[in-house]
N, C-alpha and C. Protein backbone atom coordinates (compact mmCIF):
# COMPACT_ATOMS: atom_id res chain seq x y z
N MET A 1 33.11 48.71 -77.03
CA MET A 1 31.81 48.07 -76.49
C MET A 1 31.22 47.21 -75.48
N PRO A 2 30.29 47.29 -75.11
CA PRO A 2 30.03 45.90 -73.82
C PRO A 2 29.68 45.19 -74.20
N PHE A 3 28.75 45.34 -75.70
CA PHE A 3 28.43 44.19 -76.12
C PHE A 3 29.28 43.88 -77.64
N ASP A 4 29.73 42.67 -77.77
CA ASP A 4 29.96 42.68 -79.47
C ASP A 4 29.32 41.58 -80.05
N ASP A 5 28.50 42.32 -81.00
CA ASP A 5 27.75 41.16 -81.93
C ASP A 5 27.84 40.46 -82.96
N ASN A 6 30.02 40.53 -83.08
CA ASN A 6 30.26 40.71 -84.07
C ASN A 6 30.51 38.42 -84.12
N PRO A 7 29.52 37.39 -84.83
CA PRO A 7 29.11 36.10 -85.07
C PRO A 7 31.01 35.70 -85.23
N LEU A 8 31.99 36.24 -86.21
CA LEU A 8 32.88 35.77 -86.46
C LEU A 8 34.17 35.53 -85.05
N ALA A 9 33.86 36.81 -84.04
CA ALA A 9 34.50 36.76 -82.78
C ALA A 9 34.02 35.70 -82.13
N ARG A 10 32.59 35.16 -81.85
CA ARG A 10 32.41 34.00 -80.86
C ARG A 10 33.30 32.92 -80.94
N PRO A 11 33.59 32.15 -80.23
CA PRO A 11 34.64 30.64 -80.74
C PRO A 11 33.59 29.58 -81.21
N SER A 12 33.28 29.00 -82.03
CA SER A 12 32.49 27.84 -82.06
C SER A 12 32.57 26.60 -81.28
N ARG A 13 31.00 26.63 -81.37
CA ARG A 13 30.97 25.03 -80.40
C ARG A 13 30.63 24.12 -81.15
N ARG A 14 31.41 23.00 -81.28
CA ARG A 14 31.27 21.77 -81.77
C ARG A 14 31.12 20.32 -80.77
N PRO A 15 30.28 19.72 -80.84
CA PRO A 15 29.97 18.83 -79.85
C PRO A 15 31.33 18.03 -79.93
N SER A 16 31.84 17.43 -78.44
CA SER A 16 32.95 17.15 -78.63
C SER A 16 32.80 15.14 -78.67
N PRO A 17 33.34 14.32 -79.21
CA PRO A 17 33.48 13.49 -78.67
C PRO A 17 32.92 12.25 -77.67
N SER A 18 32.97 13.06 -76.37
CA SER A 18 32.37 12.77 -74.96
C SER A 18 31.31 12.95 -75.05
N ARG A 19 30.34 14.09 -75.56
CA ARG A 19 29.11 14.06 -75.50
C ARG A 19 28.41 13.13 -76.09
N HIS A 20 28.93 13.29 -77.38
CA HIS A 20 28.52 11.96 -78.12
C HIS A 20 28.11 10.56 -77.12
N ALA A 21 29.48 10.32 -76.48
CA ALA A 21 29.38 9.07 -76.01
C ALA A 21 28.00 9.06 -74.82
N ALA A 22 28.37 10.07 -73.92
CA ALA A 22 27.23 10.38 -73.31
C ALA A 22 26.05 9.97 -73.20
N ARG A 23 25.54 11.00 -74.78
CA ARG A 23 24.09 11.05 -75.40
C ARG A 23 23.97 9.17 -75.66
N ALA A 24 24.96 8.81 -75.85
CA ALA A 24 24.72 7.10 -76.34
C ALA A 24 24.50 6.79 -74.93
N LEU A 25 24.90 6.42 -74.24
CA LEU A 25 24.81 5.83 -72.94
C LEU A 25 23.75 6.30 -72.20
N ARG A 26 23.40 7.60 -72.04
CA ARG A 26 21.58 7.69 -71.56
C ARG A 26 20.87 7.00 -72.68
N TRP A 27 21.08 7.30 -74.35
CA TRP A 27 20.32 6.02 -74.84
C TRP A 27 19.87 4.76 -74.62
N LEU A 28 21.50 3.78 -74.68
CA LEU A 28 21.14 3.14 -73.85
C LEU A 28 20.38 2.52 -72.75
N ALA A 29 20.82 3.93 -71.89
CA ALA A 29 20.03 3.14 -70.11
C ALA A 29 18.61 3.39 -70.67
N ALA A 30 18.16 4.08 -71.36
CA ALA A 30 16.46 4.85 -71.61
C ALA A 30 16.20 3.46 -72.33
N LEU A 31 16.92 2.90 -72.83
CA LEU A 31 16.35 1.57 -74.28
C LEU A 31 15.21 0.57 -73.70
N PRO A 32 15.83 -0.02 -72.56
CA PRO A 32 14.56 -1.37 -71.97
C PRO A 32 13.33 -0.59 -71.30
N LEU A 33 13.58 0.72 -70.76
CA LEU A 33 12.31 1.16 -70.48
C LEU A 33 11.60 0.91 -71.86
N LEU A 34 11.99 2.09 -73.15
CA LEU A 34 11.06 2.06 -74.06
C LEU A 34 10.81 1.09 -74.75
N ILE A 35 11.54 -0.28 -74.92
CA ILE A 35 10.99 -1.94 -75.09
C ILE A 35 10.19 -2.10 -74.21
N ALA A 36 9.91 -1.73 -72.78
CA ALA A 36 9.33 -2.58 -71.85
C ALA A 36 7.80 -1.30 -72.22
N GLY A 37 7.74 -0.34 -72.35
CA GLY A 37 6.67 0.21 -72.89
C GLY A 37 5.84 -0.34 -73.83
N SER A 38 6.53 -0.74 -74.65
CA SER A 38 6.23 -0.87 -76.74
C SER A 38 5.37 -2.70 -76.10
N ALA A 39 5.11 -3.14 -75.09
CA ALA A 39 4.20 -4.42 -75.12
C ALA A 39 5.01 -5.36 -75.84
N ALA A 40 6.75 -5.42 -75.32
CA ALA A 40 7.65 -5.75 -76.03
C ALA A 40 7.66 -7.06 -75.06
N TRP A 41 9.01 -7.85 -74.93
CA TRP A 41 9.08 -9.01 -74.44
C TRP A 41 8.53 -9.82 -74.95
N ALA A 42 8.02 -10.16 -75.35
CA ALA A 42 7.77 -11.36 -76.31
C ALA A 42 8.27 -12.17 -76.72
N ASP A 43 8.36 -13.50 -77.14
CA ASP A 43 9.11 -14.68 -77.53
C ASP A 43 10.60 -13.55 -77.20
N PRO A 44 10.98 -13.91 -76.01
CA PRO A 44 11.99 -13.42 -76.07
C PRO A 44 13.65 -14.91 -76.28
N THR A 45 14.51 -14.33 -77.38
CA THR A 45 15.37 -15.05 -77.80
C THR A 45 16.77 -14.46 -76.54
N VAL A 46 17.81 -16.23 -77.03
CA VAL A 46 18.83 -15.63 -76.67
C VAL A 46 20.01 -16.28 -77.82
N GLN A 47 21.04 -15.57 -78.04
CA GLN A 47 22.08 -15.60 -79.23
C GLN A 47 23.36 -15.68 -79.11
N ILE A 48 24.09 -16.76 -78.87
CA ILE A 48 25.54 -16.72 -78.89
C ILE A 48 26.28 -16.92 -80.57
N GLY A 49 27.19 -15.73 -80.92
CA GLY A 49 28.24 -15.71 -82.28
C GLY A 49 29.39 -15.78 -81.70
N TYR A 50 29.99 -16.18 -82.85
CA TYR A 50 31.32 -16.09 -82.61
C TYR A 50 31.78 -15.34 -84.62
N GLY A 51 32.51 -14.07 -83.60
CA GLY A 51 33.41 -13.42 -85.17
C GLY A 51 35.10 -13.14 -84.96
N THR A 52 35.46 -12.67 -86.61
CA THR A 52 36.43 -12.82 -86.54
C THR A 52 36.50 -11.17 -87.75
N ASP A 53 37.98 -10.37 -87.31
CA ASP A 53 37.59 -9.38 -88.19
C ASP A 53 39.51 -10.08 -88.91
N SER A 54 39.72 -10.40 -89.57
CA SER A 54 41.12 -11.06 -90.47
C SER A 54 41.85 -8.97 -90.65
N ARG A 55 41.57 -8.31 -90.94
CA ARG A 55 42.09 -6.80 -91.09
C ARG A 55 42.72 -6.40 -89.71
N THR A 56 41.88 -6.07 -88.86
CA THR A 56 42.77 -5.63 -87.67
C THR A 56 42.82 -6.48 -86.73
N ASP A 57 43.17 -7.71 -86.98
CA ASP A 57 43.77 -9.43 -85.66
C ASP A 57 42.75 -9.62 -84.71
N VAL A 58 41.75 -9.28 -84.70
CA VAL A 58 40.44 -9.43 -83.35
C VAL A 58 39.26 -10.41 -83.32
N ARG A 59 39.26 -11.18 -82.70
CA ARG A 59 37.94 -12.15 -82.82
C ARG A 59 37.16 -11.80 -81.48
N LYS A 60 36.01 -12.14 -81.65
CA LYS A 60 34.66 -11.60 -80.82
C LYS A 60 33.76 -12.98 -80.23
N VAL A 61 33.25 -13.26 -79.36
CA VAL A 61 32.17 -14.03 -78.90
C VAL A 61 31.21 -12.96 -77.88
N ASP A 62 30.16 -13.10 -79.23
CA ASP A 62 29.02 -12.08 -78.54
C ASP A 62 27.67 -13.04 -78.13
N ILE A 63 27.52 -12.47 -76.90
CA ILE A 63 26.10 -12.62 -76.73
C ILE A 63 24.57 -11.80 -76.97
N ALA A 64 24.00 -11.95 -77.41
CA ALA A 64 22.74 -11.12 -77.71
C ALA A 64 21.49 -11.54 -77.05
N PHE A 65 20.99 -10.71 -76.60
CA PHE A 65 19.37 -10.82 -76.02
C PHE A 65 18.41 -10.00 -76.91
N GLY A 66 17.24 -10.98 -77.29
CA GLY A 66 16.23 -10.15 -78.09
C GLY A 66 14.90 -10.42 -77.92
N TRP A 67 13.79 -9.65 -77.97
CA TRP A 67 12.78 -9.61 -78.07
C TRP A 67 11.62 -8.86 -79.15
N ASP A 68 11.01 -9.55 -79.51
CA ASP A 68 9.89 -9.18 -80.21
C ASP A 68 9.26 -7.76 -80.15
N SER A 69 9.09 -7.02 -81.04
CA SER A 69 8.57 -5.01 -80.90
C SER A 69 7.15 -5.72 -81.09
N GLY A 70 6.61 -6.68 -81.81
CA GLY A 70 4.68 -6.83 -81.51
C GLY A 70 4.67 -5.87 -82.94
N PHE A 71 5.59 -5.52 -83.83
CA PHE A 71 5.07 -5.17 -84.98
C PHE A 71 5.70 -6.11 -86.23
N GLY A 72 4.44 -6.30 -86.95
CA GLY A 72 5.30 -6.47 -88.61
C GLY A 72 3.99 -6.59 -89.61
N TRP A 73 4.81 -6.80 -90.53
CA TRP A 73 3.78 -6.21 -91.81
C TRP A 73 4.08 -7.43 -93.14
N GLY A 74 2.87 -7.98 -93.55
CA GLY A 74 3.00 -8.98 -94.49
C GLY A 74 2.32 -10.18 -94.08
N ASP A 75 2.32 -11.35 -95.30
CA ASP A 75 1.78 -12.36 -94.68
C ASP A 75 1.92 -13.79 -93.32
N PRO A 76 1.61 -13.50 -92.25
CA PRO A 76 2.06 -14.29 -91.39
C PRO A 76 2.10 -15.98 -91.85
N MET A 77 1.80 -16.25 -93.06
CA MET A 77 1.92 -17.72 -93.43
C MET A 77 3.09 -17.63 -94.70
N GLY A 78 3.34 -16.43 -94.76
CA GLY A 78 4.69 -16.39 -96.59
C GLY A 78 5.76 -15.43 -95.94
N LEU A 79 5.59 -14.08 -96.88
CA LEU A 79 6.69 -12.81 -96.90
C LEU A 79 5.90 -12.56 -95.62
N ARG A 80 6.81 -12.09 -94.63
CA ARG A 80 6.76 -11.48 -93.70
C ARG A 80 7.78 -10.44 -93.36
N LEU A 81 7.70 -9.29 -92.97
CA LEU A 81 8.80 -8.16 -91.98
C LEU A 81 8.48 -8.23 -90.63
N GLY A 82 9.17 -8.34 -90.22
CA GLY A 82 9.12 -8.01 -89.05
C GLY A 82 10.39 -7.14 -87.86
N LEU A 83 10.06 -6.87 -86.48
CA LEU A 83 10.87 -5.61 -86.24
C LEU A 83 11.05 -6.41 -84.85
N SER A 84 12.52 -6.73 -84.31
CA SER A 84 13.00 -6.56 -82.91
C SER A 84 13.46 -6.08 -82.84
N TRP A 85 14.01 -5.97 -81.02
CA TRP A 85 14.63 -4.82 -79.92
C TRP A 85 15.99 -6.55 -80.12
N GLU A 86 16.93 -5.50 -79.25
CA GLU A 86 17.99 -6.72 -79.20
C GLU A 86 19.18 -5.84 -78.64
N LEU A 87 19.73 -6.55 -77.24
CA LEU A 87 21.32 -5.68 -76.89
C LEU A 87 21.85 -6.78 -76.92
N ASN A 88 23.37 -6.40 -77.10
CA ASN A 88 24.45 -7.29 -76.91
C ASN A 88 25.79 -6.60 -76.58
N VAL A 89 26.24 -8.04 -75.64
CA VAL A 89 27.45 -7.93 -74.89
C VAL A 89 28.51 -8.78 -75.45
N ALA A 90 29.97 -8.43 -75.74
CA ALA A 90 31.16 -9.18 -76.61
C ALA A 90 31.90 -8.50 -75.85
N ARG A 91 32.77 -9.82 -76.19
CA ARG A 91 34.02 -9.38 -75.59
C ARG A 91 35.32 -9.45 -77.08
N TRP A 92 36.35 -8.63 -76.99
CA TRP A 92 36.91 -8.82 -77.86
C TRP A 92 38.83 -9.22 -77.40
N ASP A 93 38.62 -10.33 -78.49
CA ASP A 93 39.79 -10.89 -78.02
C ASP A 93 40.83 -10.70 -78.61
N SER A 94 42.37 -9.56 -79.16
CA SER A 94 42.84 -9.17 -79.99
C SER A 94 44.27 -10.04 -80.20
N THR A 95 44.43 -10.81 -81.13
CA THR A 95 45.52 -11.63 -81.34
C THR A 95 46.42 -11.00 -82.37
N SER A 96 47.18 -9.63 -82.55
CA SER A 96 47.54 -9.00 -83.02
C SER A 96 49.18 -9.17 -82.41
N ASP A 97 49.84 -9.10 -82.86
CA ASP A 97 51.86 -9.06 -82.22
C ASP A 97 51.90 -7.15 -81.69
N ALA A 98 51.37 -6.51 -82.08
CA ALA A 98 51.30 -5.28 -81.42
C ALA A 98 51.31 -4.77 -80.51
N ASN A 99 51.12 -5.02 -78.86
CA ASN A 99 50.59 -4.77 -78.07
C ASN A 99 49.20 -5.10 -77.79
N PRO A 100 48.33 -6.19 -77.83
CA PRO A 100 47.53 -6.39 -78.06
C PRO A 100 46.46 -6.19 -76.41
N ARG A 101 45.38 -5.25 -76.86
CA ARG A 101 44.73 -5.40 -75.66
C ARG A 101 43.12 -5.62 -76.50
N ASN A 102 42.65 -6.68 -75.40
CA ASN A 102 41.21 -7.21 -75.40
C ASN A 102 39.87 -5.68 -74.74
N LEU A 103 39.17 -5.93 -75.30
CA LEU A 103 38.10 -4.47 -74.97
C LEU A 103 36.86 -5.91 -74.95
N TRP A 104 35.76 -5.06 -74.45
CA TRP A 104 34.49 -5.23 -74.37
C TRP A 104 33.52 -4.66 -74.97
N GLU A 105 32.50 -4.68 -75.49
CA GLU A 105 31.44 -4.65 -75.94
C GLU A 105 30.12 -4.28 -76.46
N ILE A 106 28.84 -3.12 -75.35
CA ILE A 106 28.20 -3.23 -75.44
C ILE A 106 26.92 -2.35 -76.18
N GLY A 107 25.55 -2.44 -76.92
CA GLY A 107 25.34 -1.60 -77.63
C GLY A 107 23.58 -2.48 -77.66
N ALA A 108 23.12 -1.71 -78.80
CA ALA A 108 21.57 -1.92 -78.54
C ALA A 108 21.42 -1.61 -80.09
N GLN A 109 19.87 -2.25 -80.68
CA GLN A 109 19.83 -1.72 -82.27
C GLN A 109 18.15 -2.60 -82.22
N PRO A 110 17.82 -2.03 -83.47
CA PRO A 110 16.56 -2.83 -83.85
C PRO A 110 17.16 -3.55 -84.66
N VAL A 111 16.38 -4.37 -85.00
CA VAL A 111 16.34 -5.73 -86.29
C VAL A 111 15.32 -5.76 -86.88
N PHE A 112 15.63 -5.83 -88.18
CA PHE A 112 14.32 -6.32 -89.25
C PHE A 112 14.84 -7.11 -89.81
N ARG A 113 13.25 -8.42 -89.91
CA ARG A 113 14.21 -9.24 -90.27
C ARG A 113 12.79 -10.28 -91.52
N LEU A 114 13.31 -10.32 -92.76
CA LEU A 114 12.40 -10.00 -93.76
C LEU A 114 12.78 -11.82 -93.99
N ALA A 115 11.20 -12.80 -93.83
CA ALA A 115 11.00 -13.76 -93.45
C ALA A 115 9.74 -14.52 -94.73
N TRP A 116 10.56 -15.77 -95.08
CA TRP A 116 9.62 -16.56 -95.99
C TRP A 116 9.14 -17.76 -94.97
N GLN A 117 7.54 -17.42 -94.60
CA GLN A 117 7.54 -18.40 -93.50
C GLN A 117 5.99 -19.98 -94.01
N ARG A 118 6.50 -19.71 -95.12
CA ARG A 118 5.32 -20.40 -95.55
C ARG A 118 5.72 -22.39 -95.49
N HIS A 119 7.11 -22.78 -94.87
CA HIS A 119 7.59 -23.66 -94.80
C HIS A 119 7.70 -23.66 -93.04
N ARG A 120 8.51 -25.23 -92.96
CA ARG A 120 8.81 -25.61 -91.47
C ARG A 120 10.60 -25.20 -91.70
N TRP A 121 11.35 -24.99 -92.82
CA TRP A 121 12.81 -24.04 -92.71
C TRP A 121 12.19 -22.48 -93.13
N VAL A 122 12.21 -21.90 -92.68
CA VAL A 122 12.29 -20.62 -92.90
C VAL A 122 13.30 -19.61 -92.69
N PRO A 123 13.85 -19.16 -94.43
CA PRO A 123 15.06 -18.55 -94.71
C PRO A 123 14.63 -17.22 -93.69
N PHE A 124 15.48 -16.35 -93.51
CA PHE A 124 15.22 -15.04 -93.58
C PHE A 124 16.34 -14.27 -94.31
N LEU A 125 16.48 -12.80 -94.35
CA LEU A 125 17.56 -11.97 -94.27
C LEU A 125 16.95 -10.98 -93.04
N GLU A 126 18.33 -10.39 -92.78
CA GLU A 126 18.10 -9.34 -91.85
C GLU A 126 18.93 -7.93 -92.19
N ALA A 127 18.87 -7.16 -91.17
CA ALA A 127 19.48 -5.68 -91.28
C ALA A 127 19.34 -4.81 -89.88
N SER A 128 20.42 -4.19 -90.00
CA SER A 128 20.31 -3.01 -88.14
C SER A 128 21.02 -2.46 -88.23
N ILE A 129 20.77 -0.98 -87.63
CA ILE A 129 21.70 -0.01 -87.36
C ILE A 129 21.76 -0.11 -86.15
N GLY A 130 22.61 0.18 -85.50
CA GLY A 130 22.76 0.30 -83.59
C GLY A 130 24.08 0.83 -83.00
N VAL A 131 24.27 1.44 -82.05
CA VAL A 131 25.16 2.18 -81.14
C VAL A 131 26.12 0.88 -80.43
N ARG A 132 27.33 1.29 -80.10
CA ARG A 132 28.13 0.82 -79.62
C ARG A 132 28.90 1.54 -78.35
N LEU A 133 28.94 0.87 -77.13
CA LEU A 133 29.99 1.78 -76.08
C LEU A 133 31.00 0.70 -76.55
N MET A 134 32.36 1.36 -76.37
CA MET A 134 33.71 0.26 -75.89
C MET A 134 34.07 0.45 -74.88
N SER A 135 35.28 -0.45 -73.98
CA SER A 135 35.77 -0.33 -73.36
C SER A 135 37.38 0.27 -72.81
N GLY A 136 37.39 0.48 -74.34
CA GLY A 136 38.37 0.90 -74.57
C GLY A 136 38.23 1.40 -76.19
N THR A 137 39.80 2.47 -76.37
CA THR A 137 39.52 2.50 -78.09
C THR A 137 41.10 2.42 -78.72
N ARG A 138 41.36 1.04 -78.07
CA ARG A 138 42.43 0.73 -79.16
C ARG A 138 42.63 -0.94 -78.90
N THR A 139 42.81 -1.88 -80.11
CA THR A 139 42.66 -3.34 -79.68
C THR A 139 44.61 -3.56 -80.03
N SER A 140 45.06 -2.84 -80.44
CA SER A 140 46.48 -2.81 -81.32
C SER A 140 47.23 -1.74 -81.39
N ASP A 141 48.45 -1.84 -80.87
CA ASP A 141 49.44 -0.08 -81.74
C ASP A 141 49.23 -0.50 -83.31
N ASN A 142 48.21 -1.00 -84.23
CA ASN A 142 47.63 -0.79 -85.35
C ASN A 142 46.74 -0.61 -85.21
N HIS A 143 45.72 -0.85 -84.49
CA HIS A 143 44.17 -0.31 -84.42
C HIS A 143 43.70 0.25 -83.27
N THR A 144 43.59 1.86 -83.68
CA THR A 144 42.72 2.92 -82.64
C THR A 144 42.08 3.62 -83.29
N MET A 145 40.92 3.39 -82.41
CA MET A 145 39.37 3.71 -82.54
C MET A 145 39.21 5.12 -82.60
N SER A 146 39.83 5.58 -81.66
CA SER A 146 40.13 7.10 -81.63
C SER A 146 38.93 7.35 -80.37
N THR A 147 37.73 6.65 -80.59
CA THR A 147 36.25 7.17 -79.44
C THR A 147 35.90 5.75 -79.50
N ALA A 148 35.32 6.07 -77.74
CA ALA A 148 34.70 4.35 -77.04
C ALA A 148 33.45 4.50 -77.88
N PHE A 149 32.59 5.19 -78.15
CA PHE A 149 31.32 5.63 -79.13
C PHE A 149 31.25 4.86 -80.08
N GLN A 150 30.89 3.87 -80.91
CA GLN A 150 30.60 3.77 -81.99
C GLN A 150 29.27 3.15 -82.73
N PHE A 151 29.35 2.98 -84.44
CA PHE A 151 27.87 2.80 -84.74
C PHE A 151 28.15 1.09 -85.48
N SER A 152 26.82 0.57 -85.12
CA SER A 152 27.15 -0.67 -85.90
C SER A 152 26.43 -0.93 -86.71
N ASP A 153 26.54 -1.38 -88.25
CA ASP A 153 25.75 -1.61 -89.15
C ASP A 153 25.49 -3.02 -89.28
N MET A 154 24.74 -3.57 -89.52
CA MET A 154 24.95 -5.14 -89.52
C MET A 154 23.83 -5.32 -91.16
N ALA A 155 23.90 -6.71 -91.76
CA ALA A 155 23.50 -7.23 -92.74
C ALA A 155 23.45 -8.57 -92.69
N GLY A 156 22.55 -9.36 -92.51
CA GLY A 156 22.75 -10.96 -92.24
C GLY A 156 21.68 -11.68 -93.45
N VAL A 157 21.87 -13.08 -92.99
CA VAL A 157 21.22 -13.84 -93.71
C VAL A 157 21.11 -15.46 -92.45
N GLY A 158 20.11 -15.79 -92.42
CA GLY A 158 19.89 -17.34 -91.92
C GLY A 158 18.56 -18.09 -92.35
N ILE A 159 18.61 -19.42 -91.28
CA ILE A 159 17.54 -19.92 -91.30
C ILE A 159 16.60 -20.19 -89.68
N ALA A 160 15.38 -20.51 -89.90
CA ALA A 160 15.19 -20.90 -88.40
C ALA A 160 14.50 -22.16 -88.81
N PHE A 161 14.74 -23.01 -87.97
CA PHE A 161 14.15 -24.65 -87.72
C PHE A 161 13.92 -25.09 -86.40
N GLY A 162 13.51 -26.53 -86.69
CA GLY A 162 12.79 -27.16 -85.21
C GLY A 162 11.48 -27.16 -84.75
N LYS A 163 10.80 -27.33 -83.72
CA LYS A 163 9.72 -27.19 -83.73
C LYS A 163 9.47 -25.63 -83.33
N ASP A 164 8.10 -25.10 -83.99
CA ASP A 164 7.71 -23.78 -83.95
C ASP A 164 8.90 -23.00 -84.07
N GLN A 165 10.02 -23.17 -85.02
CA GLN A 165 11.30 -22.77 -85.53
C GLN A 165 11.92 -21.80 -84.52
N ARG A 166 11.95 -22.67 -83.30
CA ARG A 166 12.51 -22.21 -82.24
C ARG A 166 14.26 -21.47 -82.34
N PHE A 167 14.57 -22.60 -83.08
CA PHE A 167 16.31 -22.65 -83.22
C PHE A 167 16.58 -21.29 -84.68
N ALA A 168 17.73 -20.87 -84.70
CA ALA A 168 17.82 -20.51 -85.75
C ALA A 168 19.18 -20.43 -85.76
N ILE A 169 19.92 -20.64 -86.99
CA ILE A 169 21.24 -20.12 -87.40
C ILE A 169 21.29 -19.17 -88.46
N GLY A 170 22.95 -18.31 -88.35
CA GLY A 170 23.01 -17.34 -89.62
C GLY A 170 24.36 -17.27 -89.56
N TYR A 171 24.28 -16.17 -90.58
CA TYR A 171 25.48 -15.51 -90.66
C TYR A 171 25.58 -14.20 -90.25
N ARG A 172 26.29 -12.78 -90.06
CA ARG A 172 26.28 -11.67 -90.48
C ARG A 172 27.63 -10.80 -90.67
N TYR A 173 27.59 -10.17 -91.63
CA TYR A 173 28.20 -9.11 -91.74
C TYR A 173 28.43 -7.62 -90.69
N GLN A 174 28.91 -7.67 -90.29
CA GLN A 174 28.83 -6.33 -88.96
C GLN A 174 29.98 -5.59 -88.72
N HIS A 175 29.92 -3.91 -89.46
CA HIS A 175 30.82 -2.84 -89.63
C HIS A 175 30.76 -1.96 -88.77
N ILE A 176 31.71 -1.63 -87.87
CA ILE A 176 31.31 -1.07 -86.86
C ILE A 176 32.58 0.23 -86.85
N SER A 177 31.99 1.02 -86.77
CA SER A 177 32.59 2.60 -86.59
C SER A 177 32.22 3.65 -86.16
N ASN A 178 33.11 4.88 -86.14
CA ASN A 178 31.93 5.93 -85.23
C ASN A 178 31.87 7.02 -86.54
N ALA A 179 31.92 6.97 -87.51
CA ALA A 179 31.03 7.73 -88.42
C ALA A 179 32.12 9.14 -88.54
N GLY A 180 32.78 9.09 -88.32
CA GLY A 180 33.69 10.05 -89.04
C GLY A 180 34.09 11.24 -87.94
N ILE A 181 33.36 10.05 -86.27
CA ILE A 181 33.00 11.89 -85.28
C ILE A 181 34.49 12.07 -85.31
N LYS A 182 35.63 11.06 -84.64
CA LYS A 182 36.96 11.70 -84.88
C LYS A 182 37.86 11.06 -85.51
N LYS A 183 38.82 11.40 -85.81
CA LYS A 183 39.93 10.53 -86.50
C LYS A 183 41.02 10.03 -85.75
N PRO A 184 41.74 8.90 -85.69
CA PRO A 184 41.66 8.48 -87.22
C PRO A 184 40.38 7.07 -86.79
N ASN A 185 39.83 6.92 -87.87
CA ASN A 185 38.35 6.03 -88.11
C ASN A 185 38.61 5.10 -88.65
N PRO A 186 39.28 3.96 -88.55
CA PRO A 186 39.59 2.32 -89.15
C PRO A 186 38.56 1.67 -89.18
N GLY A 187 37.61 1.55 -88.46
CA GLY A 187 36.58 0.39 -88.11
C GLY A 187 37.27 -0.54 -88.21
N SER A 188 36.32 -1.81 -87.96
CA SER A 188 36.33 -3.23 -87.48
C SER A 188 34.78 -3.81 -88.65
N ASP A 189 35.35 -5.06 -89.77
CA ASP A 189 34.42 -5.03 -90.20
C ASP A 189 34.86 -6.99 -89.85
N PHE A 190 33.41 -7.26 -89.18
CA PHE A 190 32.98 -8.66 -88.61
C PHE A 190 32.82 -10.07 -89.53
N HIS A 191 32.73 -10.93 -89.24
CA HIS A 191 32.38 -12.29 -90.07
C HIS A 191 31.66 -12.83 -89.03
N THR A 192 30.78 -12.92 -88.62
CA THR A 192 30.08 -14.15 -87.29
C THR A 192 29.22 -14.56 -87.62
N ALA A 193 29.42 -15.70 -87.75
CA ALA A 193 28.54 -17.00 -87.46
C ALA A 193 27.50 -17.58 -85.63
N TYR A 194 26.33 -17.52 -85.93
CA TYR A 194 25.37 -17.63 -84.55
C TYR A 194 24.77 -18.61 -84.32
N LEU A 195 24.21 -19.15 -83.24
CA LEU A 195 22.78 -19.59 -82.97
C LEU A 195 22.09 -19.23 -81.88
N ARG A 196 20.44 -19.25 -83.12
CA ARG A 196 20.08 -18.58 -81.52
C ARG A 196 18.91 -19.34 -81.60
N TYR A 197 18.29 -19.33 -79.85
CA TYR A 197 16.87 -20.17 -79.64
C TYR A 197 16.07 -19.32 -78.69
N ARG A 198 14.53 -19.04 -79.22
CA ARG A 198 13.62 -18.59 -78.88
C ARG A 198 12.97 -19.70 -78.10
N PHE A 199 12.39 -18.56 -76.90
CA PHE A 199 11.38 -19.42 -75.69
C PHE A 199 10.29 -18.92 -76.17
């Protein structure tokens, strides 16, 4: 027969990890345009953090640039939920004895922040889900991530202080993995302390 309509005879097509990485790269490239078009860039922030993952023998320095999205819910003088955008660049330093390799990490994420804004010292909770692209897939012979495309889940706590609460210190727990796109997928779990300044 010139045509075979048997679906079982057709090879299945599953997205490859490289396609996921390409989609993530296009998303990251478009994010600044989306942010610029949503009346963001208000209240820009810069943040520097230091994190460690003792399970995989990795430590990192993370620099983040953030902007207020303009969206917020709640009482401006009480409990308020805000949304900001964040772009990250980090350098991973492997302290493993098993052929260590250092990596670069870039990423983007929305950050939801719930703050109690009644006093000069403003405590807050924050959480986000974002994407990451890594410069490699191995930090040592004992830690291989399979894909350069990763997801980032973060939860944290902190306090803003100073004039107009321009300074903030905080702690973040961050889990990075590829969500099972390809195995092995050991993931990384960072405990990070940071200092942030709002312009």
